[in-house]
Amino acid sequence: MIKKLSFSILLTLVTFQAAAQKVTKVYSCGDDIGIEIENVGWYVVLESQVGEKRVDRMLSIALSLLATQASIGYTNPKAAINWCGISDAKPITVIQANRN
């Protein structure tokens, strides 16, 4: 019983570590920003959808995540689009930073 419980806890921790997503690149194109997430791909924040102030806030969060290598939390990706030469960029309007 203890072996099964220990294995379950270990498996949960390994799964959690594998699911941690980190920002690898931040890209600006026009008034929008792109955020590349390892093992996920590109997310894009479109000013036309969220406004200038929110783009600035999300850029600040993305740069903080890039600098600290903290994991990204909740996002709400929509259907992929072609954005600034990057195919399959998923527009988002929410981004969450997680503490490691």
PDB file of N, CA and C in Angstrom:
ATOM      1  N   MET A   1       0.814  -1.183   0.000  1.00  0.00           N
ATOM      2  CA  MET A   1       0.000   0.000   0.000  1.00  0.00           C
ATOM      3  C   MET A   1       0.866   1.259   0.000  1.00  0.00           C
ATOM      4  N   ILE A   2       1.900   1.275   0.853  1.00  0.00           N
ATOM      5  CA  ILE A   2       2.780   2.439   0.938  1.00  0.00           C
ATOM      6  C   ILE A   2       3.533   2.621  -0.369  1.00  0.00           C
ATOM      7  N   LYS A   3       3.950   1.518  -1.004  1.00  0.00           N
ATOM      8  CA  LYS A   3       4.653   1.614  -2.274  1.00  0.00           C
ATOM      9  C   LYS A   3       3.753   2.231  -3.336  1.00  0.00           C
ATOM     10  N   LYS A   4       2.488   1.837  -3.366  1.00  0.00           N
ATOM     11  CA  LYS A   4       1.546   2.391  -4.348  1.00  0.00           C
ATOM     12  C   LYS A   4       1.320   3.867  -4.100  1.00  0.00           C
ATOM     13  N   LEU A   5       1.185   4.249  -2.842  1.00  0.00           N
ATOM     14  CA  LEU A   5       0.973   5.653  -2.494  1.00  0.00           C
ATOM     15  C   LEU A   5       2.202   6.485  -2.852  1.00  0.00           C
ATOM     16  N   SER A   6       3.390   5.980  -2.536  1.00  0.00           N
ATOM     17  CA  SER A   6       4.626   6.682  -2.871  1.00  0.00           C
ATOM     18  C   SER A   6       4.771   6.839  -4.374  1.00  0.00           C
ATOM     19  N   PHE A   7       4.466   5.786  -5.114  1.00  0.00           N
ATOM     20  CA  PHE A   7       4.546   5.841  -6.566  1.00  0.00           C
ATOM     21  C   PHE A   7       3.561   6.870  -7.122  1.00  0.00           C
ATOM     22  N   SER A   8       2.353   6.913  -6.568  1.00  0.00           N
ATOM     23  CA  SER A   8       1.346   7.874  -7.023  1.00  0.00           C
ATOM     24  C   SER A   8       1.802   9.308  -6.791  1.00  0.00           C
ATOM     25  N   ILE A   9       2.376   9.571  -5.634  1.00  0.00           N
ATOM     26  CA  ILE A   9       2.874  10.910  -5.326  1.00  0.00           C
ATOM     27  C   ILE A   9       4.027  11.280  -6.256  1.00  0.00           C
ATOM     28  N   LEU A  10       4.947  10.364  -6.464  1.00  0.00           N
ATOM     29  CA  LEU A  10       6.073  10.598  -7.356  1.00  0.00           C
ATOM     30  C   LEU A  10       5.596  10.865  -8.780  1.00  0.00           C
ATOM     31  N   LEU A  11       4.663  10.085  -9.256  1.00  0.00           N
ATOM     32  CA  LEU A  11       4.123  10.262 -10.598  1.00  0.00           C
ATOM     33  C   LEU A  11       3.454  11.627 -10.735  1.00  0.00           C
ATOM     34  N   THR A  12       2.734  12.044  -9.721  1.00  0.00           N
ATOM     35  CA  THR A  12       2.090  13.355  -9.736  1.00  0.00           C
ATOM     36  C   THR A  12       3.130  14.464  -9.817  1.00  0.00           C
ATOM     37  N   LEU A  13       4.201  14.365  -9.046  1.00  0.00           N
ATOM     38  CA  LEU A  13       5.251  15.382  -9.072  1.00  0.00           C
ATOM     39  C   LEU A  13       5.959  15.426 -10.416  1.00  0.00           C
ATOM     40  N   VAL A  14       6.252  14.282 -10.988  1.00  0.00           N
ATOM     41  CA  VAL A  14       6.901  14.230 -12.297  1.00  0.00           C
ATOM     42  C   VAL A  14       5.981  14.822 -13.363  1.00  0.00           C
ATOM     43  N   THR A  15       4.715  14.492 -13.314  1.00  0.00           N
ATOM     44  CA  THR A  15       3.756  15.031 -14.274  1.00  0.00           C
ATOM     45  C   THR A  15       3.666  16.541 -14.141  1.00  0.00           C
ATOM     46  N   PHE A  16       3.651  17.045 -12.906  1.00  0.00           N
ATOM     47  CA  PHE A  16       3.593  18.484 -12.689  1.00  0.00           C
ATOM     48  C   PHE A  16       4.826  19.169 -13.253  1.00  0.00           C
ATOM     49  N   GLN A  17       6.002  18.592 -13.043  1.00  0.00           N
ATOM     50  CA  GLN A  17       7.237  19.172 -13.567  1.00  0.00           C
ATOM     51  C   GLN A  17       7.232  19.194 -15.092  1.00  0.00           C
ATOM     52  N   ALA A  18       6.733  18.144 -15.716  1.00  0.00           N
ATOM     53  CA  ALA A  18       6.706  18.087 -17.177  1.00  0.00           C
ATOM     54  C   ALA A  18       5.725  19.097 -17.741  1.00  0.00           C
ATOM     55  N   ALA A  19       4.694  19.432 -16.973  1.00  0.00           N
ATOM     56  CA  ALA A  19       3.678  20.354 -17.460  1.00  0.00           C
ATOM     57  C   ALA A  19       4.087  21.813 -17.288  1.00  0.00           C
ATOM     58  N   ALA A  20       5.141  22.105 -16.537  1.00  0.00           N
ATOM     59  CA  ALA A  20       5.581  23.483 -16.341  1.00  0.00           C
ATOM     60  C   ALA A  20       6.009  24.067 -17.679  1.00  0.00           C
ATOM     61  N   GLN A  21       5.381  25.168 -18.034  1.00  0.00           N
ATOM     62  CA  GLN A  21       5.658  25.809 -19.319  1.00  0.00           C
ATOM     63  C   GLN A  21       6.363  27.127 -19.064  1.00  0.00           C
ATOM     64  N   LYS A  22       7.438  27.360 -19.794  1.00  0.00           N
ATOM     65  CA  LYS A  22       8.228  28.566 -19.604  1.00  0.00           C
ATOM     66  C   LYS A  22       8.275  29.373 -20.899  1.00  0.00           C
ATOM     67  N   VAL A  23       8.379  30.687 -20.744  1.00  0.00           N
ATOM     68  CA  VAL A  23       8.496  31.590 -21.881  1.00  0.00           C
ATOM     69  C   VAL A  23       9.910  31.474 -22.439  1.00  0.00           C
ATOM     70  N   THR A  24      10.031  31.282 -23.749  1.00  0.00           N
ATOM     71  CA  THR A  24      11.350  31.199 -24.376  1.00  0.00           C
ATOM     72  C   THR A  24      11.667  32.411 -25.240  1.00  0.00           C
ATOM     73  N   LYS A  25      10.640  33.095 -25.759  1.00  0.00           N
ATOM     74  CA  LYS A  25      10.852  34.291 -26.584  1.00  0.00           C
ATOM     75  C   LYS A  25       9.682  35.241 -26.418  1.00  0.00           C
ATOM     76  N   VAL A  26       9.969  36.529 -26.529  1.00  0.00           N
ATOM     77  CA  VAL A  26       8.932  37.557 -26.582  1.00  0.00           C
ATOM     78  C   VAL A  26       9.224  38.382 -27.819  1.00  0.00           C
ATOM     79  N   TYR A  27       8.213  38.579 -28.653  1.00  0.00           N
ATOM     80  CA  TYR A  27       8.381  39.197 -29.961  1.00  0.00           C
ATOM     81  C   TYR A  27       7.336  40.286 -30.137  1.00  0.00           C
ATOM     82  N   SER A  28       7.748  41.431 -30.651  1.00  0.00           N
ATOM     83  CA  SER A  28       6.834  42.541 -30.893  1.00  0.00           C
ATOM     84  C   SER A  28       6.687  42.734 -32.398  1.00  0.00           C
ATOM     85  N   CYS A  29       5.461  42.890 -32.835  1.00  0.00           N
ATOM     86  CA  CYS A  29       5.183  43.129 -34.254  1.00  0.00           C
ATOM     87  C   CYS A  29       4.039  44.139 -34.327  1.00  0.00           C
ATOM     88  N   GLY A  30       4.341  45.337 -34.779  1.00  0.00           N
ATOM     89  CA  GLY A  30       3.328  46.380 -34.795  1.00  0.00           C
ATOM     90  C   GLY A  30       2.907  46.708 -33.374  1.00  0.00           C
ATOM     91  N   ASP A  31       1.619  46.707 -33.110  1.00  0.00           N
ATOM     92  CA  ASP A  31       1.089  47.003 -31.778  1.00  0.00           C
ATOM     93  C   ASP A  31       0.822  45.744 -30.963  1.00  0.00           C
ATOM     94  N   ASP A  32       1.165  44.583 -31.497  1.00  0.00           N
ATOM     95  CA  ASP A  32       0.885  43.295 -30.860  1.00  0.00           C
ATOM     96  C   ASP A  32       2.169  42.683 -30.314  1.00  0.00           C
ATOM     97  N   ILE A  33       2.018  41.699 -29.432  1.00  0.00           N
ATOM     98  CA  ILE A  33       3.182  40.964 -28.947  1.00  0.00           C
ATOM     99  C   ILE A  33       2.956  39.468 -29.105  1.00  0.00           C
ATOM    100  N   GLY A  34       4.035  38.758 -29.385  1.00  0.00           N
ATOM    101  CA  GLY A  34       4.016  37.305 -29.457  1.00  0.00           C
ATOM    102  C   GLY A  34       4.846  36.745 -28.317  1.00  0.00           C
ATOM    103  N   ILE A  35       4.381  35.637 -27.766  1.00  0.00           N
ATOM    104  CA  ILE A  35       5.059  34.989 -26.645  1.00  0.00           C
ATOM    105  C   ILE A  35       5.218  33.516 -27.005  1.00  0.00           C
ATOM    106  N   GLU A  36       6.471  33.059 -27.112  1.00  0.00           N
ATOM    107  CA  GLU A  36       6.699  31.644 -27.403  1.00  0.00           C
ATOM    108  C   GLU A  36       6.858  30.881 -26.090  1.00  0.00           C
ATOM    109  N   ILE A  37       6.099  29.810 -25.958  1.00  0.00           N
ATOM    110  CA  ILE A  37       6.117  28.966 -24.774  1.00  0.00           C
ATOM    111  C   ILE A  37       6.710  27.616 -25.174  1.00  0.00           C
ATOM    112  N   GLU A  38       7.678  27.135 -24.381  1.00  0.00           N
ATOM    113  CA  GLU A  38       8.309  25.862 -24.716  1.00  0.00           C
ATOM    114  C   GLU A  38       7.272  24.739 -24.722  1.00  0.00           C
ATOM    115  N   ASN A  39       7.396  23.868 -25.688  1.00  0.00           N
ATOM    116  CA  ASN A  39       6.523  22.706 -25.873  1.00  0.00           C
ATOM    117  C   ASN A  39       5.066  23.063 -26.155  1.00  0.00           C
ATOM    118  N   VAL A  40       4.778  24.340 -26.405  1.00  0.00           N
ATOM    119  CA  VAL A  40       3.409  24.767 -26.710  1.00  0.00           C
ATOM    120  C   VAL A  40       3.358  25.489 -28.050  1.00  0.00           C
ATOM    121  N   GLY A  41       4.236  26.457 -28.241  1.00  0.00           N
ATOM    122  CA  GLY A  41       4.239  27.262 -29.452  1.00  0.00           C
ATOM    123  C   GLY A  41       4.005  28.724 -29.125  1.00  0.00           C
ATOM    124  N   TRP A  42       3.484  29.440 -30.094  1.00  0.00           N
ATOM    125  CA  TRP A  42       3.324  30.879 -29.968  1.00  0.00           C
ATOM    126  C   TRP A  42       1.926  31.272 -29.522  1.00  0.00           C
ATOM    127  N   TYR A  43       1.879  32.198 -28.572  1.00  0.00           N
ATOM    128  CA  TYR A  43       0.661  32.903 -28.210  1.00  0.00           C
ATOM    129  C   TYR A  43       0.830  34.339 -28.699  1.00  0.00           C
ATOM    130  N   VAL A  44      -0.251  34.989 -29.062  1.00  0.00           N
ATOM    131  CA  VAL A  44      -0.194  36.371 -29.518  1.00  0.00           C
ATOM    132  C   VAL A  44      -1.227  37.186 -28.755  1.00  0.00           C
ATOM    133  N   VAL A  45      -0.820  38.387 -28.354  1.00  0.00           N
ATOM    134  CA  VAL A  45      -1.719  39.329 -27.692  1.00  0.00           C
ATOM    135  C   VAL A  45      -1.995  40.435 -28.706  1.00  0.00           C
ATOM    136  N   LEU A  46      -3.227  40.495 -29.171  1.00  0.00           N
ATOM    137  CA  LEU A  46      -3.611  41.456 -30.200  1.00  0.00           C
ATOM    138  C   LEU A  46      -4.188  42.717 -29.557  1.00  0.00           C
ATOM    139  N   GLU A  47      -3.587  43.862 -29.856  1.00  0.00           N
ATOM    140  CA  GLU A  47      -4.083  45.111 -29.283  1.00  0.00           C
ATOM    141  C   GLU A  47      -5.532  45.364 -29.684  1.00  0.00           C
ATOM    142  N   SER A  48      -5.900  44.948 -30.875  1.00  0.00           N
ATOM    143  CA  SER A  48      -7.281  45.151 -31.333  1.00  0.00           C
ATOM    144  C   SER A  48      -8.289  44.396 -30.466  1.00  0.00           C
ATOM    145  N   GLN A  49      -7.842  43.354 -29.764  1.00  0.00           N
ATOM    146  CA  GLN A  49      -8.735  42.580 -28.901  1.00  0.00           C
ATOM    147  C   GLN A  49      -8.695  43.001 -27.438  1.00  0.00           C
ATOM    148  N   VAL A  50      -7.540  43.456 -26.965  1.00  0.00           N
ATOM    149  CA  VAL A  50      -7.399  43.723 -25.529  1.00  0.00           C
ATOM    150  C   VAL A  50      -7.124  45.182 -25.189  1.00  0.00           C
ATOM    151  N   GLY A  51      -6.727  45.996 -26.123  1.00  0.00           N
ATOM    152  CA  GLY A  51      -6.411  47.397 -25.857  1.00  0.00           C
ATOM    153  C   GLY A  51      -4.945  47.608 -25.516  1.00  0.00           C
ATOM    154  N   GLU A  52      -4.530  48.854 -25.625  1.00  0.00           N
ATOM    155  CA  GLU A  52      -3.119  49.201 -25.445  1.00  0.00           C
ATOM    156  C   GLU A  52      -2.618  48.959 -24.021  1.00  0.00           C
ATOM    157  N   LYS A  53      -3.397  49.338 -23.025  1.00  0.00           N
ATOM    158  CA  LYS A  53      -2.956  49.170 -21.632  1.00  0.00           C
ATOM    159  C   LYS A  53      -2.759  47.704 -21.269  1.00  0.00           C
ATOM    160  N   ARG A  54      -3.680  46.845 -21.708  1.00  0.00           N
ATOM    161  CA  ARG A  54      -3.554  45.424 -21.383  1.00  0.00           C
ATOM    162  C   ARG A  54      -2.376  44.799 -22.137  1.00  0.00           C
ATOM    163  N   VAL A  55      -2.119  45.237 -23.374  1.00  0.00           N
ATOM    164  CA  VAL A  55      -0.940  44.740 -24.099  1.00  0.00           C
ATOM    165  C   VAL A  55       0.315  45.084 -23.302  1.00  0.00           C
ATOM    166  N   ASP A  56       0.386  46.326 -22.797  1.00  0.00           N
ATOM    167  CA  ASP A  56       1.549  46.732 -21.996  1.00  0.00           C
ATOM    168  C   ASP A  56       1.697  45.872 -20.743  1.00  0.00           C
ATOM    169  N   ARG A  57       0.593  45.613 -20.042  1.00  0.00           N
ATOM    170  CA  ARG A  57       0.653  44.771 -18.830  1.00  0.00           C
ATOM    171  C   ARG A  57       1.084  43.353 -19.162  1.00  0.00           C
ATOM    172  N   MET A  58       0.518  42.795 -20.243  1.00  0.00           N
ATOM    173  CA  MET A  58       0.850  41.411 -20.611  1.00  0.00           C
ATOM    174  C   MET A  58       2.289  41.314 -21.110  1.00  0.00           C
ATOM    175  N   LEU A  59       2.798  42.371 -21.760  1.00  0.00           N
ATOM    176  CA  LEU A  59       4.199  42.406 -22.169  1.00  0.00           C
ATOM    177  C   LEU A  59       5.095  42.399 -20.933  1.00  0.00           C
ATOM    178  N   SER A  60       4.730  43.167 -19.930  1.00  0.00           N
ATOM    179  CA  SER A  60       5.498  43.207 -18.692  1.00  0.00           C
ATOM    180  C   SER A  60       5.524  41.834 -18.021  1.00  0.00           C
ATOM    181  N   ILE A  61       4.377  41.170 -17.966  1.00  0.00           N
ATOM    182  CA  ILE A  61       4.316  39.828 -17.378  1.00  0.00           C
ATOM    183  C   ILE A  61       5.173  38.852 -18.179  1.00  0.00           C
ATOM    184  N   ALA A  62       5.063  38.910 -19.506  1.00  0.00           N
ATOM    185  CA  ALA A  62       5.833  37.989 -20.361  1.00  0.00           C
ATOM    186  C   ALA A  62       7.331  38.203 -20.196  1.00  0.00           C
ATOM    187  N   LEU A  63       7.771  39.455 -20.120  1.00  0.00           N
ATOM    188  CA  LEU A  63       9.200  39.725 -19.944  1.00  0.00           C
ATOM    189  C   LEU A  63       9.678  39.280 -18.562  1.00  0.00           C
ATOM    190  N   SER A  64       8.838  39.439 -17.556  1.00  0.00           N
ATOM    191  CA  SER A  64       9.188  38.947 -16.218  1.00  0.00           C
ATOM    192  C   SER A  64       9.318  37.430 -16.212  1.00  0.00           C
ATOM    193  N   LEU A  65       8.380  36.759 -16.883  1.00  0.00           N
ATOM    194  CA  LEU A  65       8.444  35.295 -16.980  1.00  0.00           C
ATOM    195  C   LEU A  65       9.696  34.855 -17.728  1.00  0.00           C
ATOM    196  N   LEU A  66      10.065  35.578 -18.770  1.00  0.00           N
ATOM    197  CA  LEU A  66      11.265  35.248 -19.541  1.00  0.00           C
ATOM    198  C   LEU A  66      12.520  35.434 -18.689  1.00  0.00           C
ATOM    199  N   ALA A  67      12.587  36.549 -17.962  1.00  0.00           N
ATOM    200  CA  ALA A  67      13.774  36.856 -17.165  1.00  0.00           C
ATOM    201  C   ALA A  67      13.941  35.912 -15.980  1.00  0.00           C
ATOM    202  N   THR A  68      12.852  35.555 -15.330  1.00  0.00           N
ATOM    203  CA  THR A  68      12.939  34.725 -14.121  1.00  0.00           C
ATOM    204  C   THR A  68      12.812  33.233 -14.396  1.00  0.00           C
ATOM    205  N   GLN A  69      12.378  32.886 -15.613  1.00  0.00           N
ATOM    206  CA  GLN A  69      12.112  31.496 -15.983  1.00  0.00           C
ATOM    207  C   GLN A  69      11.067  30.857 -15.078  1.00  0.00           C
ATOM    208  N   ALA A  70      10.162  31.675 -14.556  1.00  0.00           N
ATOM    209  CA  ALA A  70       9.016  31.155 -13.805  1.00  0.00           C
ATOM    210  C   ALA A  70       8.063  30.508 -14.802  1.00  0.00           C
ATOM    211  N   SER A  71       7.245  29.620 -14.328  1.00  0.00           N
ATOM    212  CA  SER A  71       6.330  28.935 -15.241  1.00  0.00           C
ATOM    213  C   SER A  71       5.087  29.777 -15.479  1.00  0.00           C
ATOM    214  N   ILE A  72       4.546  29.629 -16.666  1.00  0.00           N
ATOM    215  CA  ILE A  72       3.334  30.335 -17.056  1.00  0.00           C
ATOM    216  C   ILE A  72       2.144  29.558 -16.513  1.00  0.00           C
ATOM    217  N   GLY A  73       1.145  30.278 -16.083  1.00  0.00           N
ATOM    218  CA  GLY A  73      -0.048  29.643 -15.541  1.00  0.00           C
ATOM    219  C   GLY A  73      -1.154  29.598 -16.570  1.00  0.00           C
ATOM    220  N   TYR A  74      -2.306  30.069 -16.184  1.00  0.00           N
ATOM    221  CA  TYR A  74      -3.503  30.003 -17.024  1.00  0.00           C
ATOM    222  C   TYR A  74      -3.413  30.954 -18.208  1.00  0.00           C
ATOM    223  N   THR A  75      -3.795  30.474 -19.346  1.00  0.00           N
ATOM    224  CA  THR A  75      -4.019  31.293 -20.540  1.00  0.00           C
ATOM    225  C   THR A  75      -5.324  30.813 -21.145  1.00  0.00           C
ATOM    226  N   ASN A  76      -5.848  31.572 -22.050  1.00  0.00           N
ATOM    227  CA  ASN A  76      -7.102  31.174 -22.699  1.00  0.00           C
ATOM    228  C   ASN A  76      -6.935  31.202 -24.213  1.00  0.00           C
ATOM    229  N   PRO A  77      -6.138  30.308 -24.781  1.00  0.00           N
ATOM    230  CA  PRO A  77      -5.858  30.366 -26.218  1.00  0.00           C
ATOM    231  C   PRO A  77      -7.102  30.133 -27.072  1.00  0.00           C
ATOM    232  N   LYS A  78      -7.183  30.924 -28.126  1.00  0.00           N
ATOM    233  CA  LYS A  78      -8.258  30.798 -29.110  1.00  0.00           C
ATOM    234  C   LYS A  78      -7.719  30.019 -30.308  1.00  0.00           C
ATOM    235  N   ALA A  79      -8.508  29.944 -31.362  1.00  0.00           N
ATOM    236  CA  ALA A  79      -8.091  29.237 -32.579  1.00  0.00           C
ATOM    237  C   ALA A  79      -6.855  29.910 -33.180  1.00  0.00           C
ATOM    238  N   ALA A  80      -5.956  29.094 -33.692  1.00  0.00           N
ATOM    239  CA  ALA A  80      -4.687  29.589 -34.235  1.00  0.00           C
ATOM    240  C   ALA A  80      -4.902  30.476 -35.460  1.00  0.00           C
ATOM    241  N   ILE A  81      -4.009  31.474 -35.568  1.00  0.00           N
ATOM    242  CA  ILE A  81      -4.020  32.386 -36.713  1.00  0.00           C
ATOM    243  C   ILE A  81      -2.602  32.502 -37.272  1.00  0.00           C
ATOM    244  N   ASN A  82      -2.478  33.102 -38.447  1.00  0.00           N
ATOM    245  CA  ASN A  82      -1.179  33.436 -39.011  1.00  0.00           C
ATOM    246  C   ASN A  82      -0.896  34.879 -38.619  1.00  0.00           C
ATOM    247  N   TRP A  83       0.171  35.107 -37.855  1.00  0.00           N
ATOM    248  CA  TRP A  83       0.465  36.433 -37.320  1.00  0.00           C
ATOM    249  C   TRP A  83       1.921  36.786 -37.565  1.00  0.00           C
ATOM    250  N   CYS A  84       2.163  37.864 -38.294  1.00  0.00           N
ATOM    251  CA  CYS A  84       3.512  38.395 -38.533  1.00  0.00           C
ATOM    252  C   CYS A  84       4.494  37.308 -38.990  1.00  0.00           C
ATOM    253  N   GLY A  85       4.063  36.454 -39.873  1.00  0.00           N
ATOM    254  CA  GLY A  85       4.922  35.403 -40.405  1.00  0.00           C
ATOM    255  C   GLY A  85       5.013  34.163 -39.542  1.00  0.00           C
ATOM    256  N   ILE A  86       4.327  34.150 -38.436  1.00  0.00           N
ATOM    257  CA  ILE A  86       4.322  32.983 -37.542  1.00  0.00           C
ATOM    258  C   ILE A  86       2.988  32.281 -37.720  1.00  0.00           C
ATOM    259  N   SER A  87       3.046  31.068 -38.237  1.00  0.00           N
ATOM    260  CA  SER A  87       1.799  30.321 -38.412  1.00  0.00           C
ATOM    261  C   SER A  87       1.425  29.650 -37.093  1.00  0.00           C
ATOM    262  N   ASP A  88       0.174  29.423 -36.903  1.00  0.00           N
ATOM    263  CA  ASP A  88      -0.344  28.745 -35.707  1.00  0.00           C
ATOM    264  C   ASP A  88      -0.111  29.512 -34.414  1.00  0.00           C
ATOM    265  N   ALA A  89      -0.139  30.840 -34.464  1.00  0.00           N
ATOM    266  CA  ALA A  89      -0.078  31.639 -33.236  1.00  0.00           C
ATOM    267  C   ALA A  89      -1.490  31.699 -32.657  1.00  0.00           C
ATOM    268  N   LYS A  90      -1.607  31.423 -31.375  1.00  0.00           N
ATOM    269  CA  LYS A  90      -2.926  31.384 -30.732  1.00  0.00           C
ATOM    270  C   LYS A  90      -3.164  32.677 -29.960  1.00  0.00           C
ATOM    271  N   PRO A  91      -4.180  33.448 -30.326  1.00  0.00           N
ATOM    272  CA  PRO A  91      -4.475  34.680 -29.591  1.00  0.00           C
ATOM    273  C   PRO A  91      -4.910  34.381 -28.153  1.00  0.00           C
ATOM    274  N   ILE A  92      -4.420  35.197 -27.215  1.00  0.00           N
ATOM    275  CA  ILE A  92      -4.825  35.084 -25.813  1.00  0.00           C
ATOM    276  C   ILE A  92      -5.226  36.463 -25.294  1.00  0.00           C
ATOM    277  N   THR A  93      -6.052  36.472 -24.280  1.00  0.00           N
ATOM    278  CA  THR A  93      -6.435  37.724 -23.630  1.00  0.00           C
ATOM    279  C   THR A  93      -6.109  37.686 -22.142  1.00  0.00           C
ATOM    280  N   VAL A  94      -5.612  36.547 -21.644  1.00  0.00           N
ATOM    281  CA  VAL A  94      -5.293  36.369 -20.233  1.00  0.00           C
ATOM    282  C   VAL A  94      -3.959  35.624 -20.142  1.00  0.00           C
ATOM    283  N   ILE A  95      -3.114  36.044 -19.199  1.00  0.00           N
ATOM    284  CA  ILE A  95      -1.877  35.320 -18.932  1.00  0.00           C
ATOM    285  C   ILE A  95      -1.624  35.377 -17.423  1.00  0.00           C
ATOM    286  N   GLN A  96      -1.181  34.274 -16.877  1.00  0.00           N
ATOM    287  CA  GLN A  96      -0.933  34.175 -15.444  1.00  0.00           C
ATOM    288  C   GLN A  96       0.505  33.754 -15.224  1.00  0.00           C
ATOM    289  N   ALA A  97       1.151  34.355 -14.251  1.00  0.00           N
ATOM    290  CA  ALA A  97       2.507  33.960 -13.869  1.00  0.00           C
ATOM    291  C   ALA A  97       2.429  33.116 -12.606  1.00  0.00           C
ATOM    292  N   ASN A  98       3.166  32.015 -12.581  1.00  0.00           N
ATOM    293  CA  ASN A  98       3.250  31.137 -11.409  1.00  0.00           C
ATOM    294  C   ASN A  98       4.612  31.294 -10.761  1.00  0.00           C
ATOM    295  N   ARG A  99       4.644  31.223  -9.456  1.00  0.00           N
ATOM    296  CA  ARG A  99       5.917  31.252  -8.744  1.00  0.00           C
ATOM    297  C   ARG A  99       6.469  29.836  -8.731  1.00  0.00           C
ATOM    298  N   ASN A 100       7.742  29.698  -8.995  1.00  0.00           N
ATOM    299  CA  ASN A 100       8.373  28.362  -8.982  1.00  0.00           C
ATOM    300  C   ASN A 100       8.509  27.826  -7.602  1.00  0.00           C
TER     301      ASN A 100
END
